[in-house]
């Protein structure tokens, strides 16, 4: 007679199925903040992060992105997903915090990961920012500490980590327009900075950027934190931004854009039914 798996195994499988379905990896990492922008319609006036910090980012009046759905039928991450649609016309759309975020001040040797699922509809001569809390001032000039995850004018993706006296600006790859893509920047404890596009490393620094840094600036989704580069607004969809307190590996990145809540609910209901069916069968 075939031995059925234990209830603990079923629970673990259910958790794995859940994590795969919603695109969230199960890991030892702490999610410092995850801003999920899965609205498919209406103005996106604010978003509050999940994770260990509940931080609300709010759109200034007139700068609100709009909920939309974006379909990719040609790229490596095909599918239709909801996202906040940021328009780069006029002064652009963005979301911002009401104050600086102390949990994004990292100590010496403290590793972290920032990642996002995005759908870019255009680029610009100055590039476009996904997330930034870098301050006003020249790069590495002592007053510009913080992080930027962005799309370069030449099509590369990049992570800029400014330590004040020096900065790591690690870029690479080639991100195509009108497709879903995953972008990630990782700092390891030894100071190595890695940039990823769709789970593939596209560039890395030497182990030179382990110093502590802190930003007194606001945090922005959809534009540069540096007011001198405010024109670097995003054009297209941003589905999710997540910041974790360890150097994640590609297998621990968000597996896919976050689907609409109705899709999540349907998938979770199916999982619950399967678990109920199995446990009743086992009890016979």
C-alpha atoms as a PDB file:
ATOM      1  CA  UNK A   1       0.000   0.000   0.000  1.00  0.00           C
ATOM      2  CA  UNK A   2       1.365   3.417  -0.956  1.00  0.00           C
ATOM      3  CA  UNK A   3       2.286   5.519   2.063  1.00  0.00           C
ATOM      4  CA  UNK A   4       0.698   8.947   1.989  1.00  0.00           C
ATOM      5  CA  UNK A   5       2.831  11.990   2.861  1.00  0.00           C
ATOM      6  CA  UNK A   6       2.491  13.429   6.338  1.00  0.00           C
ATOM      7  CA  UNK A   7       0.274  16.384   7.160  1.00  0.00           C
ATOM      8  CA  UNK A   8       3.442  18.391   7.760  1.00  0.00           C
ATOM      9  CA  UNK A   9       4.544  17.624   4.202  1.00  0.00           C
ATOM     10  CA  UNK A  10       1.163  18.738   2.885  1.00  0.00           C
ATOM     11  CA  UNK A  11       1.419  21.982   4.849  1.00  0.00           C
ATOM     12  CA  UNK A  12       4.876  22.646   3.434  1.00  0.00           C
ATOM     13  CA  UNK A  13       3.689  21.871  -0.083  1.00  0.00           C
ATOM     14  CA  UNK A  14       0.739  24.189   0.374  1.00  0.00           C
ATOM     15  CA  UNK A  15       3.024  26.963   1.553  1.00  0.00           C
ATOM     16  CA  UNK A  16       5.310  26.385  -1.420  1.00  0.00           C
ATOM     17  CA  UNK A  17       2.352  26.424  -3.797  1.00  0.00           C
ATOM     18  CA  UNK A  18       1.118  29.646  -2.225  1.00  0.00           C
ATOM     19  CA  UNK A  19       4.527  31.296  -2.522  1.00  0.00           C
ATOM     20  CA  UNK A  20       4.845  30.237  -6.158  1.00  0.00           C
ATOM     21  CA  UNK A  21       1.319  31.395  -7.023  1.00  0.00           C
ATOM     22  CA  UNK A  22       1.675  34.894  -5.609  1.00  0.00           C
ATOM     23  CA  UNK A  23       5.310  35.260  -6.629  1.00  0.00           C
ATOM     24  CA  UNK A  24       6.749  35.589  -3.120  1.00  0.00           C
ATOM     25  CA  UNK A  25       9.744  33.455  -2.186  1.00  0.00           C
ATOM     26  CA  UNK A  26       9.880  31.752   1.189  1.00  0.00           C
ATOM     27  CA  UNK A  27      13.251  32.681   2.636  1.00  0.00           C
ATOM     28  CA  UNK A  28      15.078  33.464   5.846  1.00  0.00           C
ATOM     29  CA  UNK A  29      15.132  37.124   4.799  1.00  0.00           C
ATOM     30  CA  UNK A  30      13.056  39.819   6.418  1.00  0.00           C
ATOM     31  CA  UNK A  31      11.069  41.929   3.996  1.00  0.00           C
ATOM     32  CA  UNK A  32      11.733  45.455   5.184  1.00  0.00           C
ATOM     33  CA  UNK A  33       9.022  46.796   2.881  1.00  0.00           C
ATOM     34  CA  UNK A  34       7.039  45.562  -0.102  1.00  0.00           C
ATOM     35  CA  UNK A  35       4.905  48.032  -2.016  1.00  0.00           C
ATOM     36  CA  UNK A  36       2.423  46.100  -4.159  1.00  0.00           C
ATOM     37  CA  UNK A  37       0.804  48.159  -6.919  1.00  0.00           C
ATOM     38  CA  UNK A  38      -1.742  45.659  -8.255  1.00  0.00           C
ATOM     39  CA  UNK A  39      -4.568  48.078  -9.081  1.00  0.00           C
ATOM     40  CA  UNK A  40      -6.071  47.573 -12.540  1.00  0.00           C
ATOM     41  CA  UNK A  41      -8.158  50.780 -12.624  1.00  0.00           C
ATOM     42  CA  UNK A  42      -8.678  54.136 -10.938  1.00  0.00           C
ATOM     43  CA  UNK A  43      -6.201  56.641  -9.571  1.00  0.00           C
ATOM     44  CA  UNK A  44      -3.464  55.225  -7.360  1.00  0.00           C
ATOM     45  CA  UNK A  45      -3.355  57.879  -4.657  1.00  0.00           C
ATOM     46  CA  UNK A  46      -1.324  55.898  -2.121  1.00  0.00           C
ATOM     47  CA  UNK A  47       0.163  52.501  -1.333  1.00  0.00           C
ATOM     48  CA  UNK A  48       1.154  51.033   2.038  1.00  0.00           C
ATOM     49  CA  UNK A  49       3.946  48.505   2.288  1.00  0.00           C
ATOM     50  CA  UNK A  50       3.668  45.041   3.760  1.00  0.00           C
ATOM     51  CA  UNK A  51       6.581  43.426   5.572  1.00  0.00           C
ATOM     52  CA  UNK A  52       8.141  44.573   8.834  1.00  0.00           C
ATOM     53  CA  UNK A  53       7.425  48.246   8.092  1.00  0.00           C
ATOM     54  CA  UNK A  54       4.046  49.680   7.092  1.00  0.00           C
ATOM     55  CA  UNK A  55       5.053  52.782   5.155  1.00  0.00           C
ATOM     56  CA  UNK A  56       2.537  54.691   3.072  1.00  0.00           C
ATOM     57  CA  UNK A  57       3.711  56.413  -0.084  1.00  0.00           C
ATOM     58  CA  UNK A  58       1.320  59.070  -1.397  1.00  0.00           C
ATOM     59  CA  UNK A  59       1.018  60.732  -4.795  1.00  0.00           C
ATOM     60  CA  UNK A  60       1.004  64.545  -4.804  1.00  0.00           C
ATOM     61  CA  UNK A  61      -2.145  66.056  -6.295  1.00  0.00           C
ATOM     62  CA  UNK A  62      -1.869  65.925 -10.078  1.00  0.00           C
ATOM     63  CA  UNK A  63       0.935  63.340 -10.003  1.00  0.00           C
ATOM     64  CA  UNK A  64      -1.182  60.224  -9.355  1.00  0.00           C
ATOM     65  CA  UNK A  65      -0.451  57.132 -11.456  1.00  0.00           C
ATOM     66  CA  UNK A  66      -3.442  55.195 -12.788  1.00  0.00           C
ATOM     67  CA  UNK A  67      -4.316  51.537 -12.283  1.00  0.00           C
ATOM     68  CA  UNK A  68      -3.951  49.592 -15.523  1.00  0.00           C
ATOM     69  CA  UNK A  69      -3.172  46.153 -16.945  1.00  0.00           C
ATOM     70  CA  UNK A  70      -0.139  45.416 -19.096  1.00  0.00           C
ATOM     71  CA  UNK A  71       0.155  42.451 -21.460  1.00  0.00           C
ATOM     72  CA  UNK A  72       3.454  40.921 -22.560  1.00  0.00           C
ATOM     73  CA  UNK A  73       3.143  38.397 -25.391  1.00  0.00           C
ATOM     74  CA  UNK A  74       6.730  38.467 -26.674  1.00  0.00           C
ATOM     75  CA  UNK A  75       9.227  38.628 -23.809  1.00  0.00           C
ATOM     76  CA  UNK A  76      10.636  36.093 -21.354  1.00  0.00           C
ATOM     77  CA  UNK A  77       7.952  36.868 -18.725  1.00  0.00           C
ATOM     78  CA  UNK A  78       4.756  36.726 -20.762  1.00  0.00           C
ATOM     79  CA  UNK A  79       1.396  37.404 -19.170  1.00  0.00           C
ATOM     80  CA  UNK A  80      -1.106  40.086 -18.252  1.00  0.00           C
ATOM     81  CA  UNK A  81      -0.689  41.765 -14.874  1.00  0.00           C
ATOM     82  CA  UNK A  82      -2.020  44.859 -13.123  1.00  0.00           C
ATOM     83  CA  UNK A  83       0.253  47.751 -12.226  1.00  0.00           C
ATOM     84  CA  UNK A  84       0.300  51.426 -11.428  1.00  0.00           C
ATOM     85  CA  UNK A  85       0.704  53.204 -14.755  1.00  0.00           C
ATOM     86  CA  UNK A  86       3.155  56.093 -14.401  1.00  0.00           C
ATOM     87  CA  UNK A  87       2.992  58.743 -17.143  1.00  0.00           C
ATOM     88  CA  UNK A  88       6.174  60.670 -17.868  1.00  0.00           C
ATOM     89  CA  UNK A  89       4.387  63.636 -19.490  1.00  0.00           C
ATOM     90  CA  UNK A  90       4.590  67.106 -17.932  1.00  0.00           C
ATOM     91  CA  UNK A  91       6.331  66.628 -14.579  1.00  0.00           C
ATOM     92  CA  UNK A  92       5.455  62.926 -14.397  1.00  0.00           C
ATOM     93  CA  UNK A  93       3.704  60.687 -11.856  1.00  0.00           C
ATOM     94  CA  UNK A  94       5.152  59.342  -8.622  1.00  0.00           C
ATOM     95  CA  UNK A  95       4.516  58.232  -5.043  1.00  0.00           C
ATOM     96  CA  UNK A  96       6.515  59.559  -2.103  1.00  0.00           C
ATOM     97  CA  UNK A  97       6.941  59.016   1.619  1.00  0.00           C
ATOM     98  CA  UNK A  98       6.114  61.734   4.127  1.00  0.00           C
ATOM     99  CA  UNK A  99       9.535  61.477   5.772  1.00  0.00           C
ATOM    100  CA  UNK A 100      12.834  59.656   5.402  1.00  0.00           C
ATOM    101  CA  UNK A 101      12.803  55.915   6.120  1.00  0.00           C
ATOM    102  CA  UNK A 102      15.252  54.994   8.864  1.00  0.00           C
ATOM    103  CA  UNK A 103      15.046  51.275   8.058  1.00  0.00           C
ATOM    104  CA  UNK A 104      16.756  52.058   4.737  1.00  0.00           C
ATOM    105  CA  UNK A 105      19.835  53.355   6.592  1.00  0.00           C
ATOM    106  CA  UNK A 106      22.252  50.438   6.370  1.00  0.00           C
ATOM    107  CA  UNK A 107      25.204  49.805   8.654  1.00  0.00           C
ATOM    108  CA  UNK A 108      28.699  48.790   7.638  1.00  0.00           C
ATOM    109  CA  UNK A 109      28.682  45.339   6.110  1.00  0.00           C
ATOM    110  CA  UNK A 110      24.878  45.160   6.198  1.00  0.00           C
ATOM    111  CA  UNK A 111      23.553  43.325   3.153  1.00  0.00           C
ATOM    112  CA  UNK A 112      20.257  44.074   1.400  1.00  0.00           C
ATOM    113  CA  UNK A 113      18.315  43.547  -1.821  1.00  0.00           C
ATOM    114  CA  UNK A 114      16.025  45.873  -3.742  1.00  0.00           C
ATOM    115  CA  UNK A 115      13.932  44.424  -6.570  1.00  0.00           C
ATOM    116  CA  UNK A 116      10.970  45.324  -8.757  1.00  0.00           C
ATOM    117  CA  UNK A 117       8.720  44.024 -11.519  1.00  0.00           C
ATOM    118  CA  UNK A 118       8.258  46.689 -14.190  1.00  0.00           C
ATOM    119  CA  UNK A 119       6.860  47.270 -17.668  1.00  0.00           C
ATOM    120  CA  UNK A 120       8.683  50.146 -19.385  1.00  0.00           C
ATOM    121  CA  UNK A 121       6.949  51.918 -22.259  1.00  0.00           C
ATOM    122  CA  UNK A 122       9.733  54.383 -23.080  1.00  0.00           C
ATOM    123  CA  UNK A 123      13.121  55.623 -21.963  1.00  0.00           C
ATOM    124  CA  UNK A 124      14.622  59.099 -21.981  1.00  0.00           C
ATOM    125  CA  UNK A 125      17.945  60.829 -22.527  1.00  0.00           C
ATOM    126  CA  UNK A 126      18.440  60.983 -18.751  1.00  0.00           C
ATOM    127  CA  UNK A 127      17.018  57.554 -17.827  1.00  0.00           C
ATOM    128  CA  UNK A 128      14.050  56.628 -15.647  1.00  0.00           C
ATOM    129  CA  UNK A 129      13.906  55.797 -11.932  1.00  0.00           C
ATOM    130  CA  UNK A 130      11.880  52.992 -10.364  1.00  0.00           C
ATOM    131  CA  UNK A 131      12.785  53.663  -6.722  1.00  0.00           C
ATOM    132  CA  UNK A 132      15.054  56.257  -5.148  1.00  0.00           C
ATOM    133  CA  UNK A 133      15.817  57.849  -1.808  1.00  0.00           C
ATOM    134  CA  UNK A 134      19.088  59.511  -2.814  1.00  0.00           C
ATOM    135  CA  UNK A 135      19.513  63.106  -1.720  1.00  0.00           C
ATOM    136  CA  UNK A 136      20.248  66.229  -3.750  1.00  0.00           C
ATOM    137  CA  UNK A 137      23.863  66.565  -4.770  1.00  0.00           C
ATOM    138  CA  UNK A 138      26.552  65.064  -6.951  1.00  0.00           C
ATOM    139  CA  UNK A 139      27.188  61.340  -6.906  1.00  0.00           C
ATOM    140  CA  UNK A 140      29.558  60.377  -4.126  1.00  0.00           C
ATOM    141  CA  UNK A 141      29.763  64.016  -3.131  1.00  0.00           C
ATOM    142  CA  UNK A 142      29.003  63.576   0.543  1.00  0.00           C
ATOM    143  CA  UNK A 143      25.380  64.707   0.527  1.00  0.00           C
ATOM    144  CA  UNK A 144      23.679  62.238  -1.772  1.00  0.00           C
ATOM    145  CA  UNK A 145      23.495  59.034   0.278  1.00  0.00           C
ATOM    146  CA  UNK A 146      20.837  56.483  -0.587  1.00  0.00           C
ATOM    147  CA  UNK A 147      19.703  53.969  -3.209  1.00  0.00           C
ATOM    148  CA  UNK A 148      18.388  54.250  -6.762  1.00  0.00           C
ATOM    149  CA  UNK A 149      17.040  51.395  -8.894  1.00  0.00           C
ATOM    150  CA  UNK A 150      16.687  52.640 -12.450  1.00  0.00           C
ATOM    151  CA  UNK A 151      16.586  52.208 -16.245  1.00  0.00           C
ATOM    152  CA  UNK A 152      19.499  53.880 -18.006  1.00  0.00           C
ATOM    153  CA  UNK A 153      19.161  55.932 -21.188  1.00  0.00           C
ATOM    154  CA  UNK A 154      21.236  53.319 -23.070  1.00  0.00           C
ATOM    155  CA  UNK A 155      18.780  50.535 -22.168  1.00  0.00           C
ATOM    156  CA  UNK A 156      20.811  49.083 -19.303  1.00  0.00           C
ATOM    157  CA  UNK A 157      19.383  48.545 -15.843  1.00  0.00           C
ATOM    158  CA  UNK A 158      21.221  49.836 -12.818  1.00  0.00           C
ATOM    159  CA  UNK A 159      21.577  50.011  -9.057  1.00  0.00           C
ATOM    160  CA  UNK A 160      23.212  53.099  -7.580  1.00  0.00           C
ATOM    161  CA  UNK A 161      24.269  52.907  -3.928  1.00  0.00           C
ATOM    162  CA  UNK A 162      25.708  56.207  -2.762  1.00  0.00           C
ATOM    163  CA  UNK A 163      27.787  56.028   0.418  1.00  0.00           C
ATOM    164  CA  UNK A 164      28.406  59.756   0.646  1.00  0.00           C
ATOM    165  CA  UNK A 165      32.111  59.876  -0.089  1.00  0.00           C
ATOM    166  CA  UNK A 166      31.933  57.259  -2.830  1.00  0.00           C
ATOM    167  CA  UNK A 167      29.258  55.517  -4.870  1.00  0.00           C
ATOM    168  CA  UNK A 168      28.693  52.235  -6.687  1.00  0.00           C
ATOM    169  CA  UNK A 169      26.810  52.685  -9.947  1.00  0.00           C
ATOM    170  CA  UNK A 170      26.493  49.147 -11.304  1.00  0.00           C
ATOM    171  CA  UNK A 171      24.726  48.799 -14.658  1.00  0.00           C
ATOM    172  CA  UNK A 172      24.385  46.261 -17.434  1.00  0.00           C
ATOM    173  CA  UNK A 173      22.107  44.173 -19.623  1.00  0.00           C
ATOM    174  CA  UNK A 174      19.591  45.488 -22.119  1.00  0.00           C
ATOM    175  CA  UNK A 175      15.945  45.824 -21.110  1.00  0.00           C
ATOM    176  CA  UNK A 176      13.419  45.860 -23.938  1.00  0.00           C
ATOM    177  CA  UNK A 177      10.302  48.015 -23.907  1.00  0.00           C
ATOM    178  CA  UNK A 178       6.683  46.834 -23.609  1.00  0.00           C
ATOM    179  CA  UNK A 179       7.592  43.643 -21.781  1.00  0.00           C
ATOM    180  CA  UNK A 180       7.547  42.536 -18.146  1.00  0.00           C
ATOM    181  CA  UNK A 181      10.992  42.512 -16.547  1.00  0.00           C
ATOM    182  CA  UNK A 182      12.446  41.883 -13.115  1.00  0.00           C
ATOM    183  CA  UNK A 183      15.243  44.187 -11.953  1.00  0.00           C
ATOM    184  CA  UNK A 184      17.271  43.684  -8.796  1.00  0.00           C
ATOM    185  CA  UNK A 185      20.209  45.257  -7.004  1.00  0.00           C
ATOM    186  CA  UNK A 186      22.028  43.366  -4.247  1.00  0.00           C
ATOM    187  CA  UNK A 187      24.667  44.448  -1.733  1.00  0.00           C
ATOM    188  CA  UNK A 188      26.534  41.599  -0.064  1.00  0.00           C
ATOM    189  CA  UNK A 189      28.118  41.869   3.381  1.00  0.00           C
ATOM    190  CA  UNK A 190      31.611  42.234   1.874  1.00  0.00           C
ATOM    191  CA  UNK A 191      30.487  45.273  -0.135  1.00  0.00           C
ATOM    192  CA  UNK A 192      30.049  43.582  -3.513  1.00  0.00           C
ATOM    193  CA  UNK A 193      27.185  45.137  -5.492  1.00  0.00           C
ATOM    194  CA  UNK A 194      25.361  43.029  -8.081  1.00  0.00           C
ATOM    195  CA  UNK A 195      22.821  44.061 -10.716  1.00  0.00           C
ATOM    196  CA  UNK A 196      20.334  41.552 -12.134  1.00  0.00           C
ATOM    197  CA  UNK A 197      17.911  41.559 -15.048  1.00  0.00           C
ATOM    198  CA  UNK A 198      15.331  38.755 -15.153  1.00  0.00           C
ATOM    199  CA  UNK A 199      17.331  36.708 -12.668  1.00  0.00           C
ATOM    200  CA  UNK A 200      20.615  36.926 -14.584  1.00  0.00           C
ATOM    201  CA  UNK A 201      23.537  38.890 -13.189  1.00  0.00           C
ATOM    202  CA  UNK A 202      24.489  41.613 -15.664  1.00  0.00           C
ATOM    203  CA  UNK A 203      27.308  43.262 -13.716  1.00  0.00           C
ATOM    204  CA  UNK A 204      29.045  43.331 -10.332  1.00  0.00           C
ATOM    205  CA  UNK A 205      31.468  45.543  -8.445  1.00  0.00           C
ATOM    206  CA  UNK A 206      34.488  44.616  -6.443  1.00  0.00           C
ATOM    207  CA  UNK A 207      34.162  44.257  -2.675  1.00  0.00           C
ATOM    208  CA  UNK A 208      34.566  47.984  -2.057  1.00  0.00           C
ATOM    209  CA  UNK A 209      31.177  49.273  -0.940  1.00  0.00           C
ATOM    210  CA  UNK A 210      30.513  47.905   2.543  1.00  0.00           C
ATOM    211  CA  UNK A 211      30.470  51.262   4.366  1.00  0.00           C
ATOM    212  CA  UNK A 212      27.442  52.474   6.299  1.00  0.00           C
ATOM    213  CA  UNK A 213      25.154  55.039   4.706  1.00  0.00           C
ATOM    214  CA  UNK A 214      21.955  56.855   5.583  1.00  0.00           C
ATOM    215  CA  UNK A 215      19.524  59.036   3.678  1.00  0.00           C
ATOM    216  CA  UNK A 216      17.600  61.958   5.094  1.00  0.00           C
ATOM    217  CA  UNK A 217      15.594  62.226   1.875  1.00  0.00           C
ATOM    218  CA  UNK A 218      12.084  61.006   1.135  1.00  0.00           C
ATOM    219  CA  UNK A 219      11.602  57.698  -0.677  1.00  0.00           C
ATOM    220  CA  UNK A 220      10.053  57.771  -4.148  1.00  0.00           C
ATOM    221  CA  UNK A 221       8.533  55.215  -6.499  1.00  0.00           C
ATOM    222  CA  UNK A 222       8.437  56.445 -10.097  1.00  0.00           C
ATOM    223  CA  UNK A 223      11.017  59.247  -9.984  1.00  0.00           C
ATOM    224  CA  UNK A 224      14.503  60.163  -8.808  1.00  0.00           C
ATOM    225  CA  UNK A 225      14.911  61.148  -5.184  1.00  0.00           C
ATOM    226  CA  UNK A 226      17.526  63.660  -6.238  1.00  0.00           C
ATOM    227  CA  UNK A 227      15.511  66.813  -7.035  1.00  0.00           C
ATOM    228  CA  UNK A 228      18.155  67.866  -9.547  1.00  0.00           C
ATOM    229  CA  UNK A 229      17.139  64.787 -11.578  1.00  0.00           C
ATOM    230  CA  UNK A 230      13.395  64.936 -10.982  1.00  0.00           C
ATOM    231  CA  UNK A 231      12.727  64.658 -14.714  1.00  0.00           C
ATOM    232  CA  UNK A 232      13.831  61.013 -14.560  1.00  0.00           C
ATOM    233  CA  UNK A 233      10.245  59.840 -14.024  1.00  0.00           C
ATOM    234  CA  UNK A 234       9.042  56.349 -14.900  1.00  0.00           C
ATOM    235  CA  UNK A 235       6.942  55.723 -18.011  1.00  0.00           C
ATOM    236  CA  UNK A 236       4.876  52.535 -17.847  1.00  0.00           C
ATOM    237  CA  UNK A 237       3.892  50.021 -15.206  1.00  0.00           C
ATOM    238  CA  UNK A 238       5.393  49.262 -11.807  1.00  0.00           C
ATOM    239  CA  UNK A 239       3.802  46.216 -10.193  1.00  0.00           C
ATOM    240  CA  UNK A 240       5.838  45.731  -7.017  1.00  0.00           C
ATOM    241  CA  UNK A 241       8.946  47.011  -5.230  1.00  0.00           C
ATOM    242  CA  UNK A 242      10.474  44.930  -2.430  1.00  0.00           C
ATOM    243  CA  UNK A 243      13.446  45.631  -0.159  1.00  0.00           C
ATOM    244  CA  UNK A 244      14.892  42.784   1.946  1.00  0.00           C
ATOM    245  CA  UNK A 245      17.542  42.754   4.659  1.00  0.00           C
ATOM    246  CA  UNK A 246      19.810  40.104   3.112  1.00  0.00           C
ATOM    247  CA  UNK A 247      21.588  39.530  -0.186  1.00  0.00           C
ATOM    248  CA  UNK A 248      19.025  37.395  -1.983  1.00  0.00           C
ATOM    249  CA  UNK A 249      19.977  34.946  -4.721  1.00  0.00           C
ATOM    250  CA  UNK A 250      17.997  34.822  -7.999  1.00  0.00           C
ATOM    251  CA  UNK A 251      16.025  31.828  -6.730  1.00  0.00           C
ATOM    252  CA  UNK A 252      14.756  33.977  -3.863  1.00  0.00           C
ATOM    253  CA  UNK A 253      13.658  36.939  -5.985  1.00  0.00           C
ATOM    254  CA  UNK A 254       9.971  37.653  -6.551  1.00  0.00           C
ATOM    255  CA  UNK A 255       9.075  34.968  -9.073  1.00  0.00           C
ATOM    256  CA  UNK A 256       6.509  36.943 -11.082  1.00  0.00           C
ATOM    257  CA  UNK A 257       4.469  40.145 -10.993  1.00  0.00           C
ATOM    258  CA  UNK A 258       1.747  40.128  -8.337  1.00  0.00           C
ATOM    259  CA  UNK A 259      -1.648  39.235  -9.898  1.00  0.00           C
ATOM    260  CA  UNK A 260      -4.889  40.998  -9.135  1.00  0.00           C
ATOM    261  CA  UNK A 261      -6.330  40.248  -5.664  1.00  0.00           C
ATOM    262  CA  UNK A 262      -9.204  38.304  -7.245  1.00  0.00           C
ATOM    263  CA  UNK A 263      -6.706  35.967  -8.899  1.00  0.00           C
ATOM    264  CA  UNK A 264      -4.889  35.490  -5.600  1.00  0.00           C
ATOM    265  CA  UNK A 265      -8.174  34.699  -3.848  1.00  0.00           C
ATOM    266  CA  UNK A 266      -9.149  32.125  -6.471  1.00  0.00           C
ATOM    267  CA  UNK A 267      -5.779  30.398  -6.269  1.00  0.00           C
ATOM    268  CA  UNK A 268      -5.782  30.308  -2.483  1.00  0.00           C
ATOM    269  CA  UNK A 269      -9.338  28.941  -2.433  1.00  0.00           C
ATOM    270  CA  UNK A 270      -8.249  26.116  -4.741  1.00  0.00           C
ATOM    271  CA  UNK A 271      -5.286  25.315  -2.494  1.00  0.00           C
ATOM    272  CA  UNK A 272      -7.567  25.251   0.559  1.00  0.00           C
ATOM    273  CA  UNK A 273      -9.957  22.838  -1.210  1.00  0.00           C
ATOM    274  CA  UNK A 274      -7.098  20.530  -2.185  1.00  0.00           C
ATOM    275  CA  UNK A 275      -5.791  20.445   1.377  1.00  0.00           C
ATOM    276  CA  UNK A 276      -9.280  19.759   2.759  1.00  0.00           C
ATOM    277  CA  UNK A 277      -9.820  16.942   0.254  1.00  0.00           C
ATOM    278  CA  UNK A 278      -6.484  15.380   1.100  1.00  0.00           C
ATOM    279  CA  UNK A 279      -6.963  15.513   4.866  1.00  0.00           C
ATOM    280  CA  UNK A 280     -10.443  13.982   4.610  1.00  0.00           C
ATOM    281  CA  UNK A 281      -9.090  11.214   2.409  1.00  0.00           C
ATOM    282  CA  UNK A 282      -6.304  10.566   4.891  1.00  0.00           C
ATOM    283  CA  UNK A 283      -8.752  10.369   7.794  1.00  0.00           C
ATOM    284  CA  UNK A 284     -10.716   7.515   6.230  1.00  0.00           C
END
